[in-house]
Amino acid sequence: MSAQSADDPHRLVSADVVVGIDGSEPSDLAVRWAAETASRRRRRLRIVHGLDLAAAQAVLGMYDLMVPAVTEALREQGERRLATAHRLAREIDSELIVETALSDGHPAKILIDASESAHLMVLGAGTRRPVTHLGSTLLAVTAHARGSVVVVRDTGTEQQTRRTGPVVVGIDGSPASTAAAATAFAEASLRDAPLVAVHAANDISAAAIAGLSESLPTTLPTREMDELAHEMLSEQLAGWQEKYPDVTVTRKVYLAEARKHLLAWSETAQLVVVGSRGRGGFLGMILGSTSNALVQQASCPVLVAHPE
């Protein structure tokens, strides 16, 4: 266990819950989730919207943006979206302190910058939208932000914002999963929830390993492999149970397919926590294939934890 810094900006009392919006139904859902979280933790909520005037220029042309009425219309639309989000947040808690911020910049950069001092960064995601404009912003933020980024998916089911069930964390032995373990224990303690630590020995399919049907069970088949996997889990979780004695931990070890098992756990969990892979290179490497899949497919909110 690596000690968490006492001056971690994400844990300061002054750190806000920040939510990025775009006026869509998924972002409305994210606002509600963020507002409820801020209210429970007695933190301020900051709602952020980026106009991305550079992208508007590419579509409309520089001349149109130089016409005051065009730029003013874009800003008025942004203000309306922020006002709607502010109202949704206050419906959750009429005494919640809510701030709004409108920027001309690109949403991803604005949110990444805001994540430096945020308690949590919250984003909404739909189930049918292709990973294009908003999707690329979402994936850029989850990959490059600091601290913890929560993606709330609009699945149309009660799991999308549930407050019951365990916190589930994916552990793979990497430095990124060390950050995930630390965050998962903290979240489980704050939520008064049990914690399930999930480890898969590798991420290839069970069928590829067995040369048989994908329907074969994927729990570890031998005592030796089971002992090695549990030893790795013990190392990753070492110290955290002492720091959070109120958190009950269940360990689940599988032969393969971390993605499959974490997605299955997301159907009953209130939060799934995974680690990010860093901040350089291609997107798939930055976020990691398992984290990427969970952000886009999980049934419950997903928290991507970044090592500091």
Foldseek 3Di string as FASTA:
>chain_A
DDDDDPPQLLPDQQAAAEEEDDLDPQSLVQLLLRLLVCVLVVHAYEYEYELAVVVVCVVVNPVQCVPVVNVVVSVVVVVVSQVVSVVSSCVNPVPHHYHYYYYHHQLLVVQQVSLSNHNEYEYGEEQPDDCDRVNVSVLSNLLRHAFKYKYQYPPVDPLSQDLAAAEEEEDELDPQSLQLLLVRLVVCLSSLHAYEYEYEPEADQPCVVVVDDSPDFFADDDPVVVVVRVVSVCVSNPPSCVVRVSYHYHYGYGHYRPLVVQLVSLVRHQEYEYEFQDHDDDSCNSRPPSSVCCSNRHSYMYMYGYDD
